[in-house]
Amino acid sequence: RMRLAVLDTNVIVSAGITPGRAPAKLIFDWVLNGQVQVITSPAVVAEYREVVRRPKFRRYGFPPLWLEFLIDESLWFQDPEPWVQPCPDPQDAPFLALAHAAGAWLVTGNLKHFPETVRTGVTVLSPADYLAHLVGA
């Protein structure tokens, strides 16, 4: 059964910086192997591309070569309507809106940015918890 996931930008960045940890395992062992379908939208892809080009990440060999492959293999949605619940970081709202529109789970390294009060039914998990779910599923 195909699993749908929206990946917060911090998951992409973590996977590129620290191989062997949960974000990298998720992307290399599950996403790039076709066992998890990543959902993207124009706004999400624009953020991925902007963030991985920041000078502070250059020393890690960014932008990572696999990112464009991940984007190409993603299931694209239109940018959904703006999220009505105010998020602690407004830049996180498009990820929540996309997960909601796609019926996907949101995977993030910043759980505190997505308190229960703003989720409106969207499942939000850390990369480690999502991996544990995948392995146990």
Protein backbone atom coordinates (compact mmCIF):
# COMPACT_ATOMS: atom_id res chain seq x y z
CA ARG A 1 0.00 0.00 0.00
CA MET A 2 1.39 3.37 -0.99
CA ARG A 3 2.15 5.75 1.84
CA LEU A 4 1.72 9.49 1.29
CA ALA A 5 3.96 11.99 3.08
CA VAL A 6 4.65 15.69 2.98
CA LEU A 7 8.24 16.34 4.08
CA ASP A 8 8.99 19.55 5.94
CA THR A 9 12.07 21.33 4.59
CA ASN A 10 14.04 20.50 7.75
CA VAL A 11 13.76 16.79 6.88
CA ILE A 12 15.37 17.44 3.48
CA VAL A 13 18.14 19.51 5.07
CA SER A 14 18.80 16.98 7.86
CA ALA A 15 19.01 14.12 5.35
CA GLY A 16 21.67 16.01 3.41
CA ILE A 17 23.71 16.97 6.47
CA THR A 18 23.62 13.84 8.65
CA PRO A 19 23.61 10.53 6.77
CA GLY A 20 22.50 7.56 8.86
CA ARG A 21 19.96 9.39 10.99
CA ALA A 22 16.19 9.09 10.66
CA PRO A 23 15.63 11.80 7.99
CA ALA A 24 18.33 10.30 5.74
CA LYS A 25 17.05 6.75 6.28
CA LEU A 26 13.54 7.88 5.43
CA ILE A 27 14.63 9.55 2.20
CA PHE A 28 17.25 7.04 1.02
CA ASP A 29 15.65 3.77 2.16
CA TRP A 30 11.96 4.59 1.69
CA VAL A 31 11.32 7.61 -0.54
CA LEU A 32 14.00 7.11 -3.19
CA ASN A 33 13.17 3.39 -3.26
CA GLY A 34 9.56 4.19 -4.07
CA GLN A 35 8.02 2.88 -0.84
CA VAL A 36 6.83 6.29 0.32
CA GLN A 37 5.21 8.75 -2.10
CA VAL A 38 6.20 12.32 -1.36
CA ILE A 39 3.57 14.97 -2.02
CA THR A 40 4.75 18.38 -3.21
CA SER A 41 3.31 21.60 -4.56
CA PRO A 42 4.86 24.62 -6.28
CA ALA A 43 5.19 26.54 -2.99
CA VAL A 44 6.80 23.59 -1.17
CA VAL A 45 9.27 22.92 -3.99
CA ALA A 46 10.15 26.61 -4.14
CA GLU A 47 10.96 26.52 -0.42
CA TYR A 48 13.06 23.33 -0.77
CA ARG A 49 15.09 24.90 -3.58
CA GLU A 50 15.53 28.23 -1.80
CA VAL A 51 16.63 26.71 1.52
CA VAL A 52 19.14 24.18 0.12
CA ARG A 53 20.89 27.00 -1.75
CA ARG A 54 21.57 29.05 1.39
CA PRO A 55 25.30 29.74 1.84
CA LYS A 56 25.37 28.13 5.32
CA PHE A 57 24.68 24.70 3.76
CA ARG A 58 27.35 24.85 1.02
CA ARG A 59 29.95 23.12 3.17
CA TYR A 60 27.67 20.05 3.22
CA GLY A 61 27.72 19.82 -0.57
CA PHE A 62 24.32 21.44 -0.97
CA PRO A 63 22.12 21.48 -2.90
CA PRO A 64 22.06 17.67 -2.57
CA LEU A 65 22.12 15.86 -5.91
CA TRP A 66 19.15 13.64 -4.98
CA LEU A 67 16.79 16.55 -4.30
CA GLU A 68 15.78 17.14 -7.93
CA PHE A 69 15.18 13.40 -8.34
CA LEU A 70 12.97 13.43 -5.23
CA ILE A 71 11.06 16.43 -6.61
CA ASP A 72 10.66 14.80 -10.04
CA GLU A 73 9.33 11.60 -8.45
CA SER A 74 6.92 13.45 -6.16
CA LEU A 75 3.19 13.58 -6.64
CA TRP A 76 2.40 17.19 -7.43
CA PHE A 77 -0.64 19.01 -6.08
CA GLN A 78 -1.67 22.59 -6.72
CA ASP A 79 -0.93 24.91 -3.83
CA PRO A 80 -3.93 24.47 -1.52
CA GLU A 81 -5.98 27.26 0.01
CA PRO A 82 -4.16 29.04 2.86
CA TRP A 83 -4.34 27.22 6.19
CA VAL A 84 -6.88 28.87 8.48
CA GLN A 85 -5.34 27.89 11.83
CA PRO A 86 -2.51 30.28 12.77
CA CYS A 87 0.78 28.35 13.04
CA PRO A 88 3.64 29.33 15.39
CA ASP A 89 5.75 29.80 12.23
CA PRO A 90 3.56 31.01 9.33
CA GLN A 91 6.02 29.48 6.84
CA ASP A 92 4.94 26.04 8.09
CA ALA A 93 1.28 26.54 7.17
CA PRO A 94 1.61 25.53 3.47
CA PHE A 95 3.03 22.14 4.51
CA LEU A 96 0.06 21.48 6.80
CA ALA A 97 -2.40 22.66 4.14
CA LEU A 98 -0.79 20.40 1.54
CA ALA A 99 -0.84 17.34 3.83
CA HIS A 100 -4.50 18.02 4.59
CA ALA A 101 -5.43 18.45 0.90
CA ALA A 102 -3.59 15.27 -0.10
CA GLY A 103 -4.71 13.09 2.79
CA ALA A 104 -1.02 12.66 3.63
CA TRP A 105 0.96 12.64 6.85
CA LEU A 106 3.35 15.49 7.59
CA VAL A 107 6.87 14.54 8.62
CA THR A 108 8.85 17.24 10.42
CA GLY A 109 11.82 17.67 12.72
CA ASN A 110 10.02 20.61 14.35
CA LEU A 111 7.00 19.08 16.08
CA LYS A 112 6.67 22.16 18.31
CA HIS A 113 5.83 24.19 15.19
CA PHE A 114 2.71 22.03 14.74
CA PRO A 115 0.79 21.96 18.04
CA GLU A 116 -2.37 19.83 18.17
CA THR A 117 -4.51 22.97 18.05
CA VAL A 118 -3.44 23.82 14.47
CA ARG A 119 -3.36 20.31 12.96
CA THR A 120 -7.10 19.92 12.25
CA GLY A 121 -6.87 16.18 11.78
CA VAL A 122 -3.51 16.02 10.00
CA THR A 123 -1.14 13.38 11.40
CA VAL A 124 2.22 15.03 12.18
CA LEU A 125 5.20 12.83 13.07
CA SER A 126 8.93 13.18 13.58
CA PRO A 127 11.14 11.35 11.05
CA ALA A 128 12.04 8.77 13.74
CA ASP A 129 8.39 8.10 14.63
CA TYR A 130 7.40 7.90 10.96
CA LEU A 131 10.23 5.40 10.31
CA ALA A 132 9.10 3.33 13.30
CA HIS A 133 5.58 3.31 11.83
CA LEU A 134 6.88 2.25 8.39
CA VAL A 135 9.02 -0.54 9.82
CA GLY A 136 6.13 -1.79 11.97
CA ALA A 137 3.43 -1.41 9.30
